[in-house]
Amino acid sequence: MTDAPTPTLPHCPPAYPPTGASATLKQFKEDFVVTELPLQPPSGAGEHLWLEVEKNGANTAFVAQQLAAAAGVKDWDVGYAGLKDRYALTRQGFSLYFPKGEAPDLTQLQHPEFRVLSQSRHLKKLRPGDLQGNRFRIVLRDVMGDRGAIEANLQAVAAQGVPNYFGPQRFGFEGGNVEQGRAMLAREIRVRNPKKKGLYLSAVRSFGFNEVLALRIQQRLWGQTLPGDMLDAAGLPTGPLWGRGRVTSTDRAQALEHAVAERHASLCDGLEHAGLEQERRSLVARPADLAWEWPQADQLVLSFFLPAGTYATSVLAEILRAVEPQRQAENEPPAVE
């Protein structure tokens, strides 16, 4: 069967009725505050320096490079648990491999776009995904629309969660990472850089997952557990991250997942031959401690916690259309994870 054309960006239909509302997102960096919650505090001893960093206007990779240079270590000796927004006020952890000698006091480092709040030692490097999740405080300005409809959807989100879509930053500018991944799997291009290869494979996998979730919502199956669904530890249905082996769902859930796999047969086959193992991801993301207030008639402030790997964009998309001011370079899509 021939694959359907891969869209520029995956279509992600909402779970709840559109409110028709809109707002400005991140008019100021302080309007988007993200605090990373680590899995554990540093032990105080070990070969790695663990830093808590507050950044304001810098992306995570840039800060990692600056920390490496300041400490005199290689870029690959710097670790972090996740990427954070550039145009935001964020706090996150970094680690630096510094096994011998007296470590420099990086809390004294002066930079206009970030500062090191604390420094300690730990046994292990900080790796992607090594976090409980992120706490968000988001100020939405110039809100236009029906407040009642907005609050109805907020209450639904608090009760039932949101579709656990991978956010647009996973796919690159205008979905370019998906197209590059498709070309790589089809052997139309060769990608030697292992980081880029991993990025493209992740984008293709994420695209397939989003397609499964979108199809369930299009078929009005949101909030339902289907016969044959594989459930996560919280008892919520999961969707496939394609790789080697068969999907573990059965019955009606498996039929739906197979329908997507057939539509994108070469992508799924390519992921299997790329050596990735079949995995599952929850179809539902449940923000914890969701609260909101209206400091002004046209200003809405949201606060909530999301576990690692879930996206704040999925919460915002169920409430209103959030638009950022035009300020970012074309090759740097917004990140809201």
C-alpha atoms as a PDB file:
ATOM      1  CA  MET A   1       0.000   0.000   0.000  1.00  0.00           C
ATOM      2  CA  THR A   2       1.311   3.456  -0.876  1.00  0.00           C
ATOM      3  CA  ASP A   3       1.854   5.898   1.947  1.00  0.00           C
ATOM      4  CA  ALA A   4      -0.409   8.906   2.230  1.00  0.00           C
ATOM      5  CA  PRO A   5       1.516  12.153   1.668  1.00  0.00           C
ATOM      6  CA  THR A   6       3.208  13.302   4.862  1.00  0.00           C
ATOM      7  CA  PRO A   7       1.674  16.676   5.855  1.00  0.00           C
ATOM      8  CA  THR A   8       3.966  19.593   6.604  1.00  0.00           C
ATOM      9  CA  LEU A   9       2.760  19.575  10.198  1.00  0.00           C
ATOM     10  CA  PRO A  10       0.677  16.880  11.881  1.00  0.00           C
ATOM     11  CA  HIS A  11      -2.966  17.857  12.328  1.00  0.00           C
ATOM     12  CA  CYS A  12      -3.902  17.760  16.019  1.00  0.00           C
ATOM     13  CA  PRO A  13      -7.660  18.156  16.521  1.00  0.00           C
ATOM     14  CA  PRO A  14      -8.738  19.308  19.997  1.00  0.00           C
ATOM     15  CA  ALA A  15     -10.598  17.105  22.441  1.00  0.00           C
ATOM     16  CA  TYR A  16     -13.070  19.771  23.588  1.00  0.00           C
ATOM     17  CA  PRO A  17     -15.341  22.210  21.719  1.00  0.00           C
ATOM     18  CA  PRO A  18     -13.374  25.254  20.464  1.00  0.00           C
ATOM     19  CA  THR A  19     -13.974  28.342  22.585  1.00  0.00           C
ATOM     20  CA  GLY A  20     -13.248  30.780  19.752  1.00  0.00           C
ATOM     21  CA  ALA A  21     -11.080  32.756  22.169  1.00  0.00           C
ATOM     22  CA  SER A  22      -7.600  34.122  21.493  1.00  0.00           C
ATOM     23  CA  ALA A  23      -4.771  35.707  23.478  1.00  0.00           C
ATOM     24  CA  THR A  24      -1.180  36.893  23.274  1.00  0.00           C
ATOM     25  CA  LEU A  25       1.369  34.417  24.635  1.00  0.00           C
ATOM     26  CA  LYS A  26       4.785  35.510  25.927  1.00  0.00           C
ATOM     27  CA  GLN A  27       4.432  39.227  25.305  1.00  0.00           C
ATOM     28  CA  PHE A  28       7.157  39.459  27.954  1.00  0.00           C
ATOM     29  CA  LYS A  29       9.619  36.742  28.981  1.00  0.00           C
ATOM     30  CA  GLU A  30       8.228  36.886  32.513  1.00  0.00           C
ATOM     31  CA  ASP A  31       4.818  35.838  31.136  1.00  0.00           C
ATOM     32  CA  PHE A  32       6.085  32.265  30.722  1.00  0.00           C
ATOM     33  CA  VAL A  33       7.736  30.858  33.822  1.00  0.00           C
ATOM     34  CA  VAL A  34       8.910  27.232  33.867  1.00  0.00           C
ATOM     35  CA  THR A  35      10.456  25.522  36.880  1.00  0.00           C
ATOM     36  CA  GLU A  36      11.976  22.085  36.406  1.00  0.00           C
ATOM     37  CA  LEU A  37      11.421  19.590  39.227  1.00  0.00           C
ATOM     38  CA  PRO A  38      14.364  17.146  39.488  1.00  0.00           C
ATOM     39  CA  LEU A  39      14.045  13.463  40.224  1.00  0.00           C
ATOM     40  CA  GLN A  40      16.359  13.852  43.198  1.00  0.00           C
ATOM     41  CA  PRO A  41      18.557  16.480  44.853  1.00  0.00           C
ATOM     42  CA  PRO A  42      22.331  16.252  44.388  1.00  0.00           C
ATOM     43  CA  SER A  43      24.045  14.032  46.969  1.00  0.00           C
ATOM     44  CA  GLY A  44      26.867  16.471  47.686  1.00  0.00           C
ATOM     45  CA  ALA A  45      29.603  14.098  46.507  1.00  0.00           C
ATOM     46  CA  GLY A  46      30.669  12.648  43.160  1.00  0.00           C
ATOM     47  CA  GLU A  47      32.405  13.370  39.868  1.00  0.00           C
ATOM     48  CA  HIS A  48      29.735  15.686  38.479  1.00  0.00           C
ATOM     49  CA  LEU A  49      28.842  19.273  39.311  1.00  0.00           C
ATOM     50  CA  TRP A  50      25.093  19.808  39.448  1.00  0.00           C
ATOM     51  CA  LEU A  51      23.890  23.353  38.836  1.00  0.00           C
ATOM     52  CA  GLU A  52      20.527  25.043  39.161  1.00  0.00           C
ATOM     53  CA  VAL A  53      20.367  27.694  36.450  1.00  0.00           C
ATOM     54  CA  GLU A  54      17.880  30.476  35.831  1.00  0.00           C
ATOM     55  CA  LYS A  55      17.866  31.591  32.207  1.00  0.00           C
ATOM     56  CA  ASN A  56      16.157  34.574  30.682  1.00  0.00           C
ATOM     57  CA  GLY A  57      16.299  34.878  26.893  1.00  0.00           C
ATOM     58  CA  ALA A  58      18.751  32.058  26.131  1.00  0.00           C
ATOM     59  CA  ASN A  59      18.120  28.553  24.849  1.00  0.00           C
ATOM     60  CA  THR A  60      19.292  25.469  26.730  1.00  0.00           C
ATOM     61  CA  ALA A  61      22.015  24.438  24.263  1.00  0.00           C
ATOM     62  CA  PHE A  62      23.576  27.916  24.359  1.00  0.00           C
ATOM     63  CA  VAL A  63      23.698  27.896  28.156  1.00  0.00           C
ATOM     64  CA  ALA A  64      25.290  24.435  28.100  1.00  0.00           C
ATOM     65  CA  GLN A  65      28.034  25.715  25.785  1.00  0.00           C
ATOM     66  CA  GLN A  66      28.687  28.739  27.996  1.00  0.00           C
ATOM     67  CA  LEU A  67      28.913  26.573  31.118  1.00  0.00           C
ATOM     68  CA  ALA A  68      31.340  24.192  29.396  1.00  0.00           C
ATOM     69  CA  ALA A  69      33.572  27.078  28.368  1.00  0.00           C
ATOM     70  CA  ALA A  70      33.489  28.631  31.844  1.00  0.00           C
ATOM     71  CA  ALA A  71      34.407  25.333  33.531  1.00  0.00           C
ATOM     72  CA  GLY A  72      36.965  24.332  30.896  1.00  0.00           C
ATOM     73  CA  VAL A  73      35.237  21.063  29.949  1.00  0.00           C
ATOM     74  CA  LYS A  74      34.055  19.609  26.645  1.00  0.00           C
ATOM     75  CA  ASP A  75      30.533  20.302  25.397  1.00  0.00           C
ATOM     76  CA  TRP A  76      29.641  16.607  25.697  1.00  0.00           C
ATOM     77  CA  ASP A  77      30.558  16.693  29.395  1.00  0.00           C
ATOM     78  CA  VAL A  78      27.515  18.903  30.053  1.00  0.00           C
ATOM     79  CA  GLY A  79      24.178  17.252  30.743  1.00  0.00           C
ATOM     80  CA  TYR A  80      20.611  18.495  31.169  1.00  0.00           C
ATOM     81  CA  ALA A  81      17.233  16.847  31.598  1.00  0.00           C
ATOM     82  CA  GLY A  82      15.220  18.753  28.998  1.00  0.00           C
ATOM     83  CA  LEU A  83      15.087  21.672  26.605  1.00  0.00           C
ATOM     84  CA  LYS A  84      13.401  24.818  27.843  1.00  0.00           C
ATOM     85  CA  ASP A  85      11.908  27.792  26.031  1.00  0.00           C
ATOM     86  CA  ARG A  86      14.201  30.599  24.963  1.00  0.00           C
ATOM     87  CA  TYR A  87      11.734  33.467  25.301  1.00  0.00           C
ATOM     88  CA  ALA A  88      10.772  32.650  28.888  1.00  0.00           C
ATOM     89  CA  LEU A  89      11.992  32.754  32.459  1.00  0.00           C
ATOM     90  CA  THR A  90      13.035  29.204  33.303  1.00  0.00           C
ATOM     91  CA  ARG A  91      14.854  27.269  35.979  1.00  0.00           C
ATOM     92  CA  GLN A  92      16.497  23.970  35.142  1.00  0.00           C
ATOM     93  CA  GLY A  93      19.362  21.683  36.117  1.00  0.00           C
ATOM     94  CA  PHE A  94      22.686  21.172  34.348  1.00  0.00           C
ATOM     95  CA  SER A  95      25.525  18.798  35.168  1.00  0.00           C
ATOM     96  CA  LEU A  96      29.235  19.059  34.311  1.00  0.00           C
ATOM     97  CA  TYR A  97      31.722  16.218  34.460  1.00  0.00           C
ATOM     98  CA  PHE A  98      34.507  17.534  36.698  1.00  0.00           C
ATOM     99  CA  PRO A  99      36.099  14.525  38.457  1.00  0.00           C
ATOM    100  CA  LYS A 100      39.369  16.040  39.656  1.00  0.00           C
ATOM    101  CA  GLY A 101      40.640  19.269  41.039  1.00  0.00           C
ATOM    102  CA  GLU A 102      38.911  22.177  42.700  1.00  0.00           C
ATOM    103  CA  ALA A 103      35.796  23.126  40.776  1.00  0.00           C
ATOM    104  CA  PRO A 104      35.290  26.754  39.765  1.00  0.00           C
ATOM    105  CA  ASP A 105      32.512  28.609  41.557  1.00  0.00           C
ATOM    106  CA  LEU A 106      30.075  29.000  38.670  1.00  0.00           C
ATOM    107  CA  THR A 107      27.616  30.930  40.827  1.00  0.00           C
ATOM    108  CA  GLN A 108      29.975  33.873  40.262  1.00  0.00           C
ATOM    109  CA  LEU A 109      29.583  33.624  36.480  1.00  0.00           C
ATOM    110  CA  GLN A 110      28.212  36.861  35.012  1.00  0.00           C
ATOM    111  CA  HIS A 111      25.988  36.657  31.927  1.00  0.00           C
ATOM    112  CA  PRO A 112      23.012  38.830  30.896  1.00  0.00           C
ATOM    113  CA  GLU A 113      20.866  35.846  29.850  1.00  0.00           C
ATOM    114  CA  PHE A 114      21.408  33.353  32.676  1.00  0.00           C
ATOM    115  CA  ARG A 115      22.779  32.918  36.185  1.00  0.00           C
ATOM    116  CA  VAL A 116      23.819  29.900  38.256  1.00  0.00           C
ATOM    117  CA  LEU A 117      21.724  29.824  41.416  1.00  0.00           C
ATOM    118  CA  SER A 118      23.392  26.905  43.174  1.00  0.00           C
ATOM    119  CA  GLN A 119      26.162  24.358  42.705  1.00  0.00           C
ATOM    120  CA  SER A 120      26.773  20.964  44.298  1.00  0.00           C
ATOM    121  CA  ARG A 121      28.294  17.588  43.474  1.00  0.00           C
ATOM    122  CA  HIS A 122      26.565  14.376  42.467  1.00  0.00           C
ATOM    123  CA  LEU A 123      27.429  10.841  41.396  1.00  0.00           C
ATOM    124  CA  LYS A 124      25.768  10.830  37.975  1.00  0.00           C
ATOM    125  CA  LYS A 125      25.418  12.926  34.844  1.00  0.00           C
ATOM    126  CA  LEU A 126      22.075  14.616  34.266  1.00  0.00           C
ATOM    127  CA  ARG A 127      20.514  12.960  31.210  1.00  0.00           C
ATOM    128  CA  PRO A 128      17.443  13.702  29.054  1.00  0.00           C
ATOM    129  CA  GLY A 129      14.275  12.784  30.906  1.00  0.00           C
ATOM    130  CA  ASP A 130      15.846  12.894  34.375  1.00  0.00           C
ATOM    131  CA  LEU A 131      13.107  15.049  35.856  1.00  0.00           C
ATOM    132  CA  GLN A 132       9.735  14.678  37.530  1.00  0.00           C
ATOM    133  CA  GLY A 133       8.266  17.316  35.258  1.00  0.00           C
ATOM    134  CA  ASN A 134       7.796  21.068  34.986  1.00  0.00           C
ATOM    135  CA  ARG A 135       5.718  23.616  36.839  1.00  0.00           C
ATOM    136  CA  PHE A 136       4.295  26.398  34.658  1.00  0.00           C
ATOM    137  CA  ARG A 137       2.978  29.876  35.312  1.00  0.00           C
ATOM    138  CA  ILE A 138       1.623  31.407  32.105  1.00  0.00           C
ATOM    139  CA  VAL A 139       0.225  34.922  31.679  1.00  0.00           C
ATOM    140  CA  LEU A 140      -2.094  35.292  28.675  1.00  0.00           C
ATOM    141  CA  ARG A 141      -2.725  38.898  27.646  1.00  0.00           C
ATOM    142  CA  ASP A 142      -5.244  40.593  25.345  1.00  0.00           C
ATOM    143  CA  VAL A 143      -7.697  37.759  25.895  1.00  0.00           C
ATOM    144  CA  MET A 144     -10.683  38.002  23.556  1.00  0.00           C
ATOM    145  CA  GLY A 145     -13.654  35.651  23.728  1.00  0.00           C
ATOM    146  CA  ASP A 146     -16.292  34.165  25.978  1.00  0.00           C
ATOM    147  CA  ARG A 147     -14.956  33.800  29.530  1.00  0.00           C
ATOM    148  CA  GLY A 148     -17.622  31.221  30.291  1.00  0.00           C
ATOM    149  CA  ALA A 149     -16.486  29.000  27.394  1.00  0.00           C
ATOM    150  CA  ILE A 150     -12.845  29.362  28.446  1.00  0.00           C
ATOM    151  CA  GLU A 151     -13.608  28.371  32.032  1.00  0.00           C
ATOM    152  CA  ALA A 152     -15.804  25.451  30.917  1.00  0.00           C
ATOM    153  CA  ASN A 153     -12.865  24.032  28.978  1.00  0.00           C
ATOM    154  CA  LEU A 154     -10.490  24.679  31.861  1.00  0.00           C
ATOM    155  CA  GLN A 155     -12.778  22.678  34.123  1.00  0.00           C
ATOM    156  CA  ALA A 156     -12.919  19.855  31.554  1.00  0.00           C
ATOM    157  CA  VAL A 157      -9.114  19.853  31.273  1.00  0.00           C
ATOM    158  CA  ALA A 158      -8.763  19.716  35.060  1.00  0.00           C
ATOM    159  CA  ALA A 159     -11.155  16.757  35.217  1.00  0.00           C
ATOM    160  CA  GLN A 160     -10.158  14.714  32.141  1.00  0.00           C
ATOM    161  CA  GLY A 161      -6.775  15.983  30.972  1.00  0.00           C
ATOM    162  CA  VAL A 162      -5.754  16.837  27.418  1.00  0.00           C
ATOM    163  CA  PRO A 163      -4.561  14.896  24.369  1.00  0.00           C
ATOM    164  CA  ASN A 164      -0.915  14.030  24.984  1.00  0.00           C
ATOM    165  CA  TYR A 165       0.284  15.271  21.606  1.00  0.00           C
ATOM    166  CA  PHE A 166       3.953  15.821  20.929  1.00  0.00           C
ATOM    167  CA  GLY A 167       4.372  19.584  20.572  1.00  0.00           C
ATOM    168  CA  PRO A 168       5.295  21.381  17.330  1.00  0.00           C
ATOM    169  CA  GLN A 169       8.912  21.898  18.416  1.00  0.00           C
ATOM    170  CA  ARG A 170       9.409  18.132  18.091  1.00  0.00           C
ATOM    171  CA  PHE A 171       8.825  18.405  14.337  1.00  0.00           C
ATOM    172  CA  GLY A 172      11.038  21.381  13.502  1.00  0.00           C
ATOM    173  CA  PHE A 173      10.186  24.475  11.491  1.00  0.00           C
ATOM    174  CA  GLU A 174       7.151  23.692   9.291  1.00  0.00           C
ATOM    175  CA  GLY A 175       7.585  19.976  10.019  1.00  0.00           C
ATOM    176  CA  GLY A 176      11.049  19.839   8.475  1.00  0.00           C
ATOM    177  CA  ASN A 177      12.322  17.178  10.887  1.00  0.00           C
ATOM    178  CA  VAL A 178       9.607  14.763   9.757  1.00  0.00           C
ATOM    179  CA  GLU A 179      10.489  15.257   6.087  1.00  0.00           C
ATOM    180  CA  GLN A 180      14.189  14.850   6.811  1.00  0.00           C
ATOM    181  CA  GLY A 181      13.414  11.682   8.748  1.00  0.00           C
ATOM    182  CA  ARG A 182      11.312  10.323   5.905  1.00  0.00           C
ATOM    183  CA  ALA A 183      14.094  11.032   3.403  1.00  0.00           C
ATOM    184  CA  MET A 184      16.661   9.427   5.707  1.00  0.00           C
ATOM    185  CA  LEU A 185      14.582   6.269   6.196  1.00  0.00           C
ATOM    186  CA  ALA A 186      13.986   6.082   2.430  1.00  0.00           C
ATOM    187  CA  ARG A 187      17.781   6.406   1.925  1.00  0.00           C
ATOM    188  CA  GLU A 188      17.321   9.512  -0.164  1.00  0.00           C
ATOM    189  CA  ILE A 189      19.769  11.304   2.140  1.00  0.00           C
ATOM    190  CA  ARG A 190      22.520  10.111   4.468  1.00  0.00           C
ATOM    191  CA  VAL A 191      22.713  11.613   7.943  1.00  0.00           C
ATOM    192  CA  ARG A 192      26.047  11.040   9.659  1.00  0.00           C
ATOM    193  CA  ASN A 193      25.554  13.280  12.678  1.00  0.00           C
ATOM    194  CA  PRO A 194      24.145  10.976  15.414  1.00  0.00           C
ATOM    195  CA  LYS A 195      22.302  13.823  17.160  1.00  0.00           C
ATOM    196  CA  LYS A 196      20.541  14.841  13.951  1.00  0.00           C
ATOM    197  CA  LYS A 197      19.749  11.220  13.162  1.00  0.00           C
ATOM    198  CA  GLY A 198      18.168  10.776  16.577  1.00  0.00           C
ATOM    199  CA  LEU A 199      16.246  14.022  16.155  1.00  0.00           C
ATOM    200  CA  TYR A 200      14.783  12.914  12.823  1.00  0.00           C
ATOM    201  CA  LEU A 201      13.881   9.425  14.068  1.00  0.00           C
ATOM    202  CA  SER A 202      12.171  10.944  17.102  1.00  0.00           C
ATOM    203  CA  ALA A 203      10.209  13.321  14.871  1.00  0.00           C
ATOM    204  CA  VAL A 204       8.934  10.480  12.680  1.00  0.00           C
ATOM    205  CA  ARG A 205       7.943   8.383  15.698  1.00  0.00           C
ATOM    206  CA  SER A 206       6.185  11.345  17.276  1.00  0.00           C
ATOM    207  CA  PHE A 207       4.349  12.055  14.033  1.00  0.00           C
ATOM    208  CA  GLY A 208       2.973   8.498  13.977  1.00  0.00           C
ATOM    209  CA  PHE A 209       1.852   8.722  17.596  1.00  0.00           C
ATOM    210  CA  ASN A 210       0.083  12.029  16.976  1.00  0.00           C
ATOM    211  CA  GLU A 211      -1.681  10.491  13.973  1.00  0.00           C
ATOM    212  CA  VAL A 212      -3.086   7.686  16.161  1.00  0.00           C
ATOM    213  CA  LEU A 213      -4.259  10.136  18.815  1.00  0.00           C
ATOM    214  CA  ALA A 214      -5.772  12.451  16.201  1.00  0.00           C
ATOM    215  CA  LEU A 215      -7.689   9.567  14.620  1.00  0.00           C
ATOM    216  CA  ARG A 216      -9.190   8.575  17.964  1.00  0.00           C
ATOM    217  CA  ILE A 217     -10.378  12.132  18.531  1.00  0.00           C
ATOM    218  CA  GLN A 218     -11.738  12.399  14.972  1.00  0.00           C
ATOM    219  CA  GLN A 219     -13.735   9.226  15.650  1.00  0.00           C
ATOM    220  CA  ARG A 220     -15.129  10.806  18.856  1.00  0.00           C
ATOM    221  CA  LEU A 221     -13.265   8.348  21.078  1.00  0.00           C
ATOM    222  CA  TRP A 222     -11.694  10.920  23.416  1.00  0.00           C
ATOM    223  CA  GLY A 223     -12.053   9.902  27.045  1.00  0.00           C
ATOM    224  CA  GLN A 224     -12.842   6.299  26.116  1.00  0.00           C
ATOM    225  CA  THR A 225     -10.931   3.080  26.681  1.00  0.00           C
ATOM    226  CA  LEU A 226     -11.264   0.803  23.672  1.00  0.00           C
ATOM    227  CA  PRO A 227     -11.354  -2.996  23.708  1.00  0.00           C
ATOM    228  CA  GLY A 228      -7.719  -4.119  23.404  1.00  0.00           C
ATOM    229  CA  ASP A 229      -6.180  -0.893  24.709  1.00  0.00           C
ATOM    230  CA  MET A 230      -2.856  -1.133  26.542  1.00  0.00           C
ATOM    231  CA  LEU A 231      -3.132   0.945  29.718  1.00  0.00           C
ATOM    232  CA  ASP A 232      -0.441   2.848  31.583  1.00  0.00           C
ATOM    233  CA  ALA A 233       0.176   2.723  35.331  1.00  0.00           C
ATOM    234  CA  ALA A 234      -2.620   5.257  35.884  1.00  0.00           C
ATOM    235  CA  GLY A 235      -5.093   3.123  33.924  1.00  0.00           C
ATOM    236  CA  LEU A 236      -5.102   5.438  30.891  1.00  0.00           C
ATOM    237  CA  PRO A 237      -4.938   4.215  27.280  1.00  0.00           C
ATOM    238  CA  THR A 238      -1.622   4.378  25.427  1.00  0.00           C
ATOM    239  CA  GLY A 239      -0.585   4.738  21.805  1.00  0.00           C
ATOM    240  CA  PRO A 240       2.346   3.244  19.883  1.00  0.00           C
ATOM    241  CA  LEU A 241       5.816   4.627  19.364  1.00  0.00           C
ATOM    242  CA  TRP A 242       6.721   2.492  16.377  1.00  0.00           C
ATOM    243  CA  GLY A 243       9.779   0.277  16.248  1.00  0.00           C
ATOM    244  CA  ARG A 244      10.796  -3.353  16.114  1.00  0.00           C
ATOM    245  CA  GLY A 245       8.088  -5.872  17.009  1.00  0.00           C
ATOM    246  CA  ARG A 246       4.312  -5.904  16.879  1.00  0.00           C
ATOM    247  CA  VAL A 247       2.029  -3.454  18.614  1.00  0.00           C
ATOM    248  CA  THR A 248       0.898  -4.910  21.923  1.00  0.00           C
ATOM    249  CA  SER A 249      -2.670  -3.660  21.677  1.00  0.00           C
ATOM    250  CA  THR A 250      -5.418  -6.009  20.466  1.00  0.00           C
ATOM    251  CA  ASP A 251      -8.970  -5.933  19.174  1.00  0.00           C
ATOM    252  CA  ARG A 252     -10.449  -2.533  18.232  1.00  0.00           C
ATOM    253  CA  ALA A 253      -7.470  -0.524  19.526  1.00  0.00           C
ATOM    254  CA  GLN A 254      -5.062  -2.553  17.416  1.00  0.00           C
ATOM    255  CA  ALA A 255      -7.240  -2.144  14.317  1.00  0.00           C
ATOM    256  CA  LEU A 256      -7.122   1.632  14.702  1.00  0.00           C
ATOM    257  CA  GLU A 257      -3.347   1.630  15.170  1.00  0.00           C
ATOM    258  CA  HIS A 258      -2.871  -0.670  12.178  1.00  0.00           C
ATOM    259  CA  ALA A 259      -4.927   1.707  10.051  1.00  0.00           C
ATOM    260  CA  VAL A 260      -2.426   4.475  10.764  1.00  0.00           C
ATOM    261  CA  ALA A 261       0.527   2.123  10.217  1.00  0.00           C
ATOM    262  CA  GLU A 262      -0.834   1.135   6.791  1.00  0.00           C
ATOM    263  CA  ARG A 263      -1.332   4.772   5.850  1.00  0.00           C
ATOM    264  CA  HIS A 264       2.336   5.467   6.671  1.00  0.00           C
ATOM    265  CA  ALA A 265       3.762   2.041   5.887  1.00  0.00           C
ATOM    266  CA  SER A 266       7.237   3.116   4.766  1.00  0.00           C
ATOM    267  CA  LEU A 267       7.723   5.308   7.854  1.00  0.00           C
ATOM    268  CA  CYS A 268       6.758   2.529  10.265  1.00  0.00           C
ATOM    269  CA  ASP A 269       8.828  -0.034   8.367  1.00  0.00           C
ATOM    270  CA  GLY A 270      11.789   2.339   8.348  1.00  0.00           C
ATOM    271  CA  LEU A 271      11.563   2.872  12.112  1.00  0.00           C
ATOM    272  CA  GLU A 272      11.571  -0.879  12.660  1.00  0.00           C
ATOM    273  CA  HIS A 273      14.675  -1.346  10.500  1.00  0.00           C
ATOM    274  CA  ALA A 274      16.375   1.614  12.203  1.00  0.00           C
ATOM    275  CA  GLY A 275      16.661  -0.573  15.296  1.00  0.00           C
ATOM    276  CA  LEU A 276      14.127   1.174  17.525  1.00  0.00           C
ATOM    277  CA  GLU A 277      12.096  -0.968  19.877  1.00  0.00           C
ATOM    278  CA  GLN A 278       8.298  -0.796  20.037  1.00  0.00           C
ATOM    279  CA  GLU A 279       7.204   1.424  22.948  1.00  0.00           C
ATOM    280  CA  ARG A 280       4.003   2.966  24.291  1.00  0.00           C
ATOM    281  CA  ARG A 281       3.051   6.486  25.436  1.00  0.00           C
ATOM    282  CA  SER A 282      -0.031   7.657  27.274  1.00  0.00           C
ATOM    283  CA  LEU A 283      -2.682   9.232  25.057  1.00  0.00           C
ATOM    284  CA  VAL A 284      -3.768  11.485  27.933  1.00  0.00           C
ATOM    285  CA  ALA A 285      -1.784  14.180  29.746  1.00  0.00           C
ATOM    286  CA  ARG A 286      -3.240  15.316  33.057  1.00  0.00           C
ATOM    287  CA  PRO A 287      -2.049  18.671  34.373  1.00  0.00           C
ATOM    288  CA  ALA A 288      -1.862  18.639  38.159  1.00  0.00           C
ATOM    289  CA  ASP A 289      -2.812  21.544  40.418  1.00  0.00           C
ATOM    290  CA  LEU A 290      -4.429  23.426  37.515  1.00  0.00           C
ATOM    291  CA  ALA A 291      -5.541  26.866  38.701  1.00  0.00           C
ATOM    292  CA  TRP A 292      -6.473  30.118  36.986  1.00  0.00           C
ATOM    293  CA  GLU A 293      -7.304  33.707  37.791  1.00  0.00           C
ATOM    294  CA  TRP A 294      -8.302  36.889  35.957  1.00  0.00           C
ATOM    295  CA  PRO A 295      -6.186  39.789  37.292  1.00  0.00           C
ATOM    296  CA  GLN A 296      -7.802  41.937  34.589  1.00  0.00           C
ATOM    297  CA  ALA A 297     -10.750  41.462  32.267  1.00  0.00           C
ATOM    298  CA  ASP A 298      -8.429  40.664  29.343  1.00  0.00           C
ATOM    299  CA  GLN A 299      -5.696  38.841  31.275  1.00  0.00           C
ATOM    300  CA  LEU A 300      -5.719  35.159  32.270  1.00  0.00           C
ATOM    301  CA  VAL A 301      -3.047  33.564  34.471  1.00  0.00           C
ATOM    302  CA  LEU A 302      -2.676  29.777  34.451  1.00  0.00           C
ATOM    303  CA  SER A 303      -0.582  27.610  36.735  1.00  0.00           C
ATOM    304  CA  PHE A 304      -0.149  23.837  36.574  1.00  0.00           C
ATOM    305  CA  PHE A 305       2.327  20.968  36.727  1.00  0.00           C
ATOM    306  CA  LEU A 306       3.008  18.560  33.870  1.00  0.00           C
ATOM    307  CA  PRO A 307       5.031  15.332  34.081  1.00  0.00           C
ATOM    308  CA  ALA A 308       8.163  14.884  31.978  1.00  0.00           C
ATOM    309  CA  GLY A 309       7.611  14.521  28.241  1.00  0.00           C
ATOM    310  CA  THR A 310       4.293  16.380  28.083  1.00  0.00           C
ATOM    311  CA  TYR A 311       3.690  19.772  26.532  1.00  0.00           C
ATOM    312  CA  ALA A 312       2.061  22.969  27.768  1.00  0.00           C
ATOM    313  CA  THR A 313       0.952  23.643  24.188  1.00  0.00           C
ATOM    314  CA  SER A 314      -1.514  20.765  24.554  1.00  0.00           C
ATOM    315  CA  VAL A 315      -3.132  22.526  27.524  1.00  0.00           C
ATOM    316  CA  LEU A 316      -3.279  25.929  25.841  1.00  0.00           C
ATOM    317  CA  ALA A 317      -4.724  24.497  22.614  1.00  0.00           C
ATOM    318  CA  GLU A 318      -7.817  23.267  24.467  1.00  0.00           C
ATOM    319  CA  ILE A 319      -8.523  26.711  25.932  1.00  0.00           C
ATOM    320  CA  LEU A 320      -7.855  29.323  23.263  1.00  0.00           C
ATOM    321  CA  ARG A 321      -5.673  30.278  20.319  1.00  0.00           C
ATOM    322  CA  ALA A 322      -2.422  31.611  21.747  1.00  0.00           C
ATOM    323  CA  VAL A 323      -0.356  33.789  19.418  1.00  0.00           C
ATOM    324  CA  GLU A 324       3.225  34.886  20.065  1.00  0.00           C
ATOM    325  CA  PRO A 325       4.640  38.197  18.872  1.00  0.00           C
ATOM    326  CA  GLN A 326       6.784  37.888  15.745  1.00  0.00           C
ATOM    327  CA  ARG A 327      10.343  37.877  17.029  1.00  0.00           C
ATOM    328  CA  GLN A 328      11.924  34.450  16.504  1.00  0.00           C
ATOM    329  CA  ALA A 329      14.203  33.366  13.703  1.00  0.00           C
ATOM    330  CA  GLU A 330      12.626  31.078  11.135  1.00  0.00           C
ATOM    331  CA  ASN A 331      14.877  28.195  12.099  1.00  0.00           C
ATOM    332  CA  GLU A 332      13.922  28.395  15.765  1.00  0.00           C
ATOM    333  CA  PRO A 333      10.318  27.331  16.388  1.00  0.00           C
ATOM    334  CA  PRO A 334       8.824  28.038  19.810  1.00  0.00           C
ATOM    335  CA  ALA A 335       9.323  25.355  22.436  1.00  0.00           C
ATOM    336  CA  VAL A 336       6.694  24.789  25.108  1.00  0.00           C
ATOM    337  CA  GLU A 337       7.505  21.572  26.930  1.00  0.00           C
END
